[in-house]
Amino acid sequence: MHSDPSLDAALDRLAETFRGMTAHPQESNCECHWGSAEELAQLKTPDTELDPDLLQRTWSAVDWSDHPRVLRRILPQFAADLADGRAEPVFGMEAVGRSFARGHWRQWPAEQSRAVEEFLHAWWSWTLTDPAPAVPAHEVLVAVSEASATITPWLRIWQSLPVPHPVADRHLTELVDSWECDLLSDMLPWDAWDNREAMRDELTAWLVRHAPARLGADGASPDLHERIRLLGLPAPARWEDPYWSRRPAVAGVWWPPGASGGECGGE
């Protein structure tokens, strides 16, 4: 369970802002694939708690006729589950962000959109400074980036933390460990809906500029520093760099034709 005053305040604001919200009275969904008429009726009843399975099916469904109203109905409970790590998307945390994006929350009345933005910021900020967050920091970054169609504000929050910062720096090491294969292959590490190339370029440039100091503070291996350095090189120079031929194999990295090492980290 989380225990952070800013996050608690953001969750309280969501509960207050979206109290009394319901799905559209004419909202429907397939009983075979989504759920029963009785379950659908719960979405049209305000402020009742949904069981975890029903909540999961509701936020992850992509075929509501009025997704914004459905999202507003479930948002206080959904956000609390996210903060506590109880939401378990089948296809990754980008699915969480897409549920927000389908709700077009930035177009909601100002009080409502501010409440959503406050929660996203509080969730991300708390995650960065929690030694053992319920959801790994790089996965929360995926969710908030997809929810907002931008990675910029979330990287700025990370950048604003002092160096060294033992917790945030450890989270960055975990991000690089998890994402280096995709990034070295010039791919965004998740399947973004919008602004995929822009987010990939911004993330890569940010890592090249800011990761070395944080990785150094965290005691990351020299090899990890080398891979960050390679990210700063254009693809031809990257493959021709002397380090590339002597690097440890990296499973999942795409090797260009003729590059030593073979495909996907093979020798």
Protein backbone atom coordinates (compact mmCIF):
# COMPACT_ATOMS: atom_id res chain seq x y z
CA MET A 1 0.00 0.00 0.00
CA HIS A 2 1.21 3.51 -0.80
CA SER A 3 1.69 6.13 1.91
CA ASP A 4 2.52 9.48 0.37
CA PRO A 5 0.72 12.71 1.31
CA SER A 6 0.73 14.12 -2.24
CA LEU A 7 -0.55 10.91 -3.75
CA ASP A 8 -3.17 10.51 -1.03
CA ALA A 9 -4.32 14.08 -1.66
CA ALA A 10 -4.55 13.44 -5.40
CA LEU A 11 -6.62 10.30 -4.83
CA ASP A 12 -8.90 12.17 -2.43
CA ARG A 13 -9.38 14.88 -5.04
CA LEU A 14 -10.29 12.28 -7.67
CA ALA A 15 -12.86 10.76 -5.30
CA GLU A 16 -14.38 14.18 -4.62
CA THR A 17 -14.29 15.38 -8.23
CA PHE A 18 -15.85 12.26 -9.73
CA ARG A 19 -18.34 11.47 -6.99
CA GLY A 20 -21.74 10.60 -8.43
CA MET A 21 -20.45 9.85 -11.94
CA THR A 22 -22.06 7.06 -13.97
CA ALA A 23 -21.79 5.48 -17.39
CA HIS A 24 -24.27 6.71 -19.97
CA PRO A 25 -27.76 5.32 -19.29
CA GLN A 26 -27.78 3.73 -22.77
CA GLU A 27 -24.26 2.31 -22.52
CA SER A 28 -24.01 -1.36 -23.51
CA ASN A 29 -21.44 -4.05 -24.12
CA CYS A 30 -21.32 -7.65 -25.26
CA GLU A 31 -22.44 -10.07 -22.55
CA CYS A 32 -20.37 -12.86 -24.14
CA HIS A 33 -17.09 -10.91 -24.11
CA TRP A 34 -17.43 -8.23 -21.46
CA GLY A 35 -19.95 -9.15 -18.79
CA SER A 36 -23.54 -9.50 -17.66
CA ALA A 37 -26.38 -7.02 -17.67
CA GLU A 38 -26.16 -6.95 -13.88
CA GLU A 39 -22.52 -5.93 -14.06
CA LEU A 40 -23.30 -3.27 -16.64
CA ALA A 41 -25.95 -1.89 -14.30
CA GLN A 42 -23.27 -1.33 -11.66
CA LEU A 43 -21.54 1.13 -13.98
CA LYS A 44 -24.77 3.10 -14.14
CA THR A 45 -24.98 3.23 -10.35
CA PRO A 46 -22.76 5.89 -8.77
CA ASP A 47 -20.10 5.37 -6.13
CA THR A 48 -20.42 1.62 -5.61
CA GLU A 49 -17.16 -0.32 -5.52
CA LEU A 50 -16.62 -2.80 -8.34
CA ASP A 51 -15.04 -6.16 -7.77
CA PRO A 52 -11.46 -6.34 -9.11
CA ASP A 53 -12.30 -8.47 -12.13
CA LEU A 54 -15.14 -6.21 -13.21
CA LEU A 55 -12.96 -3.13 -12.77
CA GLN A 56 -10.23 -4.73 -14.88
CA ARG A 57 -12.63 -5.62 -17.68
CA THR A 58 -14.15 -2.15 -17.59
CA TRP A 59 -11.02 -0.02 -17.89
CA SER A 60 -9.41 -2.34 -20.45
CA ALA A 61 -12.44 -2.61 -22.77
CA VAL A 62 -11.95 -0.68 -26.01
CA ASP A 63 -15.51 -0.65 -27.33
CA TRP A 64 -17.54 1.56 -25.01
CA SER A 65 -19.74 3.98 -26.93
CA ASP A 66 -18.91 6.69 -24.35
CA HIS A 67 -15.54 5.76 -22.87
CA PRO A 68 -15.07 9.17 -21.17
CA ARG A 69 -18.17 8.64 -19.03
CA VAL A 70 -17.14 5.07 -18.19
CA LEU A 71 -13.68 6.26 -17.21
CA ARG A 72 -15.07 9.03 -15.02
CA ARG A 73 -17.30 6.46 -13.29
CA ILE A 74 -14.41 4.15 -12.36
CA LEU A 75 -11.55 6.62 -12.06
CA PRO A 76 -11.27 6.95 -8.25
CA GLN A 77 -11.14 3.18 -7.76
CA PHE A 78 -9.01 2.63 -10.86
CA ALA A 79 -6.42 5.20 -9.74
CA ALA A 80 -6.22 3.72 -6.25
CA ASP A 81 -5.62 0.29 -7.74
CA LEU A 82 -2.86 1.70 -9.95
CA ALA A 83 -1.14 3.33 -6.99
CA ASP A 84 -1.27 0.10 -5.01
CA GLY A 85 -0.18 -2.11 -7.91
CA ARG A 86 -3.46 -4.02 -8.07
CA ALA A 87 -4.14 -3.30 -11.75
CA GLU A 88 -2.50 -6.01 -13.83
CA PRO A 89 -2.82 -5.25 -17.54
CA VAL A 90 -2.44 -8.26 -19.81
CA PHE A 91 -0.56 -6.38 -22.52
CA GLY A 92 1.65 -4.06 -20.47
CA MET A 93 1.23 -0.69 -18.79
CA GLU A 94 0.66 1.02 -22.12
CA ALA A 95 -2.86 -0.43 -21.87
CA VAL A 96 -3.40 1.61 -18.70
CA GLY A 97 -2.30 4.79 -20.45
CA ARG A 98 -4.49 4.05 -23.44
CA SER A 99 -7.55 3.77 -21.22
CA PHE A 100 -6.86 7.32 -20.07
CA ALA A 101 -6.17 8.42 -23.64
CA ARG A 102 -9.44 6.93 -24.93
CA GLY A 103 -11.21 9.00 -22.29
CA HIS A 104 -9.84 12.25 -23.82
CA TRP A 105 -9.40 13.53 -20.27
CA ARG A 106 -7.63 16.72 -21.34
CA GLN A 107 -10.89 17.82 -22.97
CA TRP A 108 -12.90 17.42 -19.77
CA PRO A 109 -13.98 20.42 -17.67
CA ALA A 110 -11.00 22.14 -16.08
CA GLU A 111 -11.59 20.82 -12.56
CA GLN A 112 -11.80 17.24 -13.82
CA SER A 113 -8.76 17.42 -16.11
CA ARG A 114 -6.70 19.04 -13.34
CA ALA A 115 -7.62 16.23 -10.97
CA VAL A 116 -6.45 13.62 -13.47
CA GLU A 117 -3.21 15.47 -14.17
CA GLU A 118 -2.56 15.89 -10.46
CA PHE A 119 -2.94 12.15 -9.95
CA LEU A 120 -0.62 11.24 -12.82
CA HIS A 121 2.05 13.63 -11.53
CA ALA A 122 1.69 12.44 -7.95
CA TRP A 123 1.80 8.77 -8.95
CA TRP A 124 4.93 9.29 -11.04
CA SER A 125 6.71 11.49 -8.50
CA TRP A 126 6.00 9.09 -5.67
CA THR A 127 7.14 6.10 -7.73
CA LEU A 128 10.49 7.74 -8.49
CA THR A 129 11.24 8.23 -4.80
CA ASP A 130 9.87 4.93 -3.48
CA PRO A 131 12.58 2.29 -3.02
CA ALA A 132 10.13 -0.52 -3.79
CA PRO A 133 7.17 0.87 -5.73
CA ALA A 134 4.23 -1.39 -6.43
CA VAL A 135 4.85 -0.87 -10.16
CA PRO A 136 8.43 -0.46 -11.48
CA ALA A 137 9.26 3.13 -12.39
CA HIS A 138 9.89 2.43 -16.07
CA GLU A 139 6.45 0.79 -16.35
CA VAL A 140 4.77 3.78 -14.70
CA LEU A 141 6.64 5.97 -17.19
CA VAL A 142 4.99 4.01 -19.99
CA ALA A 143 1.54 4.49 -18.45
CA VAL A 144 1.79 8.23 -17.86
CA SER A 145 3.42 8.84 -21.25
CA GLU A 146 0.64 6.98 -23.05
CA ALA A 147 -2.00 8.73 -20.95
CA SER A 148 -0.65 12.13 -21.99
CA ALA A 149 0.82 11.31 -25.45
CA THR A 150 4.12 12.83 -24.35
CA ILE A 151 7.16 11.81 -22.35
CA THR A 152 8.44 15.35 -21.80
CA PRO A 153 6.92 16.30 -18.40
CA TRP A 154 7.78 12.94 -16.86
CA LEU A 155 11.44 13.15 -17.85
CA ARG A 156 11.55 16.69 -16.49
CA ILE A 157 10.32 15.49 -13.11
CA TRP A 158 13.06 12.84 -13.08
CA GLN A 159 15.63 15.43 -14.12
CA SER A 160 14.53 17.76 -11.31
CA LEU A 161 15.63 15.29 -8.64
CA PRO A 162 19.10 15.86 -7.20
CA VAL A 163 22.13 13.83 -8.25
CA PRO A 164 22.93 11.58 -6.55
CA HIS A 165 19.48 10.32 -5.58
CA PRO A 166 19.92 6.68 -4.52
CA VAL A 167 16.33 5.68 -5.20
CA ALA A 168 15.71 7.51 -8.49
CA ASP A 169 19.16 6.53 -9.74
CA ARG A 170 18.47 2.85 -9.04
CA HIS A 171 15.20 3.14 -10.96
CA LEU A 172 17.11 4.59 -13.91
CA THR A 173 19.58 1.71 -13.86
CA GLU A 174 16.63 -0.70 -13.96
CA LEU A 175 15.12 1.22 -16.89
CA VAL A 176 18.33 1.00 -18.90
CA ASP A 177 18.74 -2.69 -18.06
CA SER A 178 15.18 -3.37 -19.23
CA TRP A 179 15.08 -1.15 -22.31
CA GLU A 180 18.59 -1.07 -23.76
CA CYS A 181 17.91 -3.75 -26.37
CA ASP A 182 15.04 -1.82 -27.92
CA LEU A 183 16.79 1.53 -27.64
CA LEU A 184 19.99 0.24 -29.25
CA SER A 185 17.79 -1.00 -32.08
CA ASP A 186 16.26 2.49 -32.38
CA MET A 187 12.88 1.30 -31.15
CA LEU A 188 10.65 2.72 -28.43
CA PRO A 189 10.41 0.02 -25.73
CA TRP A 190 6.61 -0.05 -25.87
CA ASP A 191 3.92 0.05 -28.52
CA ALA A 192 2.90 3.70 -28.37
CA TRP A 193 -0.31 4.98 -29.90
CA ASP A 194 0.89 8.50 -30.65
CA ASN A 195 4.21 10.28 -31.13
CA ARG A 196 6.21 7.06 -31.12
CA GLU A 197 9.26 8.38 -32.95
CA ALA A 198 9.26 11.68 -31.07
CA MET A 199 9.13 9.93 -27.70
CA ARG A 200 11.86 7.49 -28.72
CA ASP A 201 14.12 10.31 -29.85
CA GLU A 202 13.45 12.36 -26.74
CA LEU A 203 14.00 9.41 -24.40
CA THR A 204 17.25 8.47 -26.13
CA ALA A 205 18.59 12.03 -26.07
CA TRP A 206 17.61 12.42 -22.42
CA LEU A 207 19.38 9.21 -21.44
CA VAL A 208 22.53 10.19 -23.31
CA ARG A 209 22.59 13.53 -21.54
CA HIS A 210 21.42 12.66 -18.03
CA ALA A 211 21.90 8.94 -17.44
CA PRO A 212 25.72 8.84 -17.10
CA ALA A 213 25.77 10.89 -13.88
CA ARG A 214 22.92 8.91 -12.33
CA LEU A 215 24.30 5.55 -13.43
CA GLY A 216 27.66 6.54 -12.00
CA ALA A 217 26.07 7.51 -8.70
CA ASP A 218 24.30 4.15 -8.63
CA GLY A 219 27.49 2.20 -9.32
CA ALA A 220 26.31 0.82 -12.65
CA SER A 221 28.76 -1.32 -14.61
CA PRO A 222 31.15 0.25 -17.15
CA ASP A 223 29.38 -1.85 -19.78
CA LEU A 224 26.10 -0.07 -19.11
CA HIS A 225 27.85 3.28 -19.49
CA GLU A 226 29.24 2.15 -22.84
CA ARG A 227 25.80 1.21 -24.08
CA ILE A 228 24.45 4.60 -23.12
CA ARG A 229 27.33 6.16 -25.04
CA LEU A 230 26.42 4.07 -28.09
CA LEU A 231 22.89 5.47 -27.95
CA GLY A 232 24.37 8.87 -28.70
CA LEU A 233 25.87 7.67 -31.97
CA PRO A 234 23.98 7.47 -35.27
CA ALA A 235 23.33 3.91 -36.40
CA PRO A 236 26.29 3.48 -38.83
CA ALA A 237 28.78 4.87 -36.32
CA ARG A 238 27.23 2.79 -33.56
CA TRP A 239 27.85 -0.49 -35.34
CA GLU A 240 31.37 0.57 -36.34
CA ASP A 241 32.37 1.67 -32.84
CA PRO A 242 35.27 -0.40 -31.42
CA TYR A 243 33.22 -1.24 -28.34
CA TRP A 244 30.58 -2.96 -30.48
CA SER A 245 32.87 -5.82 -31.50
CA ARG A 246 33.95 -6.57 -27.94
CA ARG A 247 30.68 -5.94 -26.10
CA PRO A 248 28.93 -8.71 -24.16
CA ALA A 249 26.11 -10.27 -26.19
CA VAL A 250 22.80 -8.49 -25.73
CA ALA A 251 19.81 -10.70 -26.34
CA GLY A 252 17.18 -8.95 -28.40
CA VAL A 253 19.37 -6.32 -30.06
CA TRP A 254 18.96 -6.10 -33.81
CA TRP A 255 22.29 -6.34 -35.62
CA PRO A 256 22.57 -4.62 -39.00
CA PRO A 257 23.72 -6.67 -42.01
CA GLY A 258 27.45 -7.26 -41.85
CA ALA A 259 27.84 -6.24 -38.21
CA SER A 260 29.82 -8.67 -36.08
CA GLY A 261 27.92 -10.46 -33.36
CA GLY A 262 25.08 -11.99 -35.32
CA GLU A 263 21.39 -11.32 -34.88
CA CYS A 264 19.84 -10.76 -31.43
CA GLY A 265 23.02 -10.89 -29.43
CA GLY A 266 24.43 -14.09 -30.91
CA GLU A 267 28.14 -14.63 -31.36
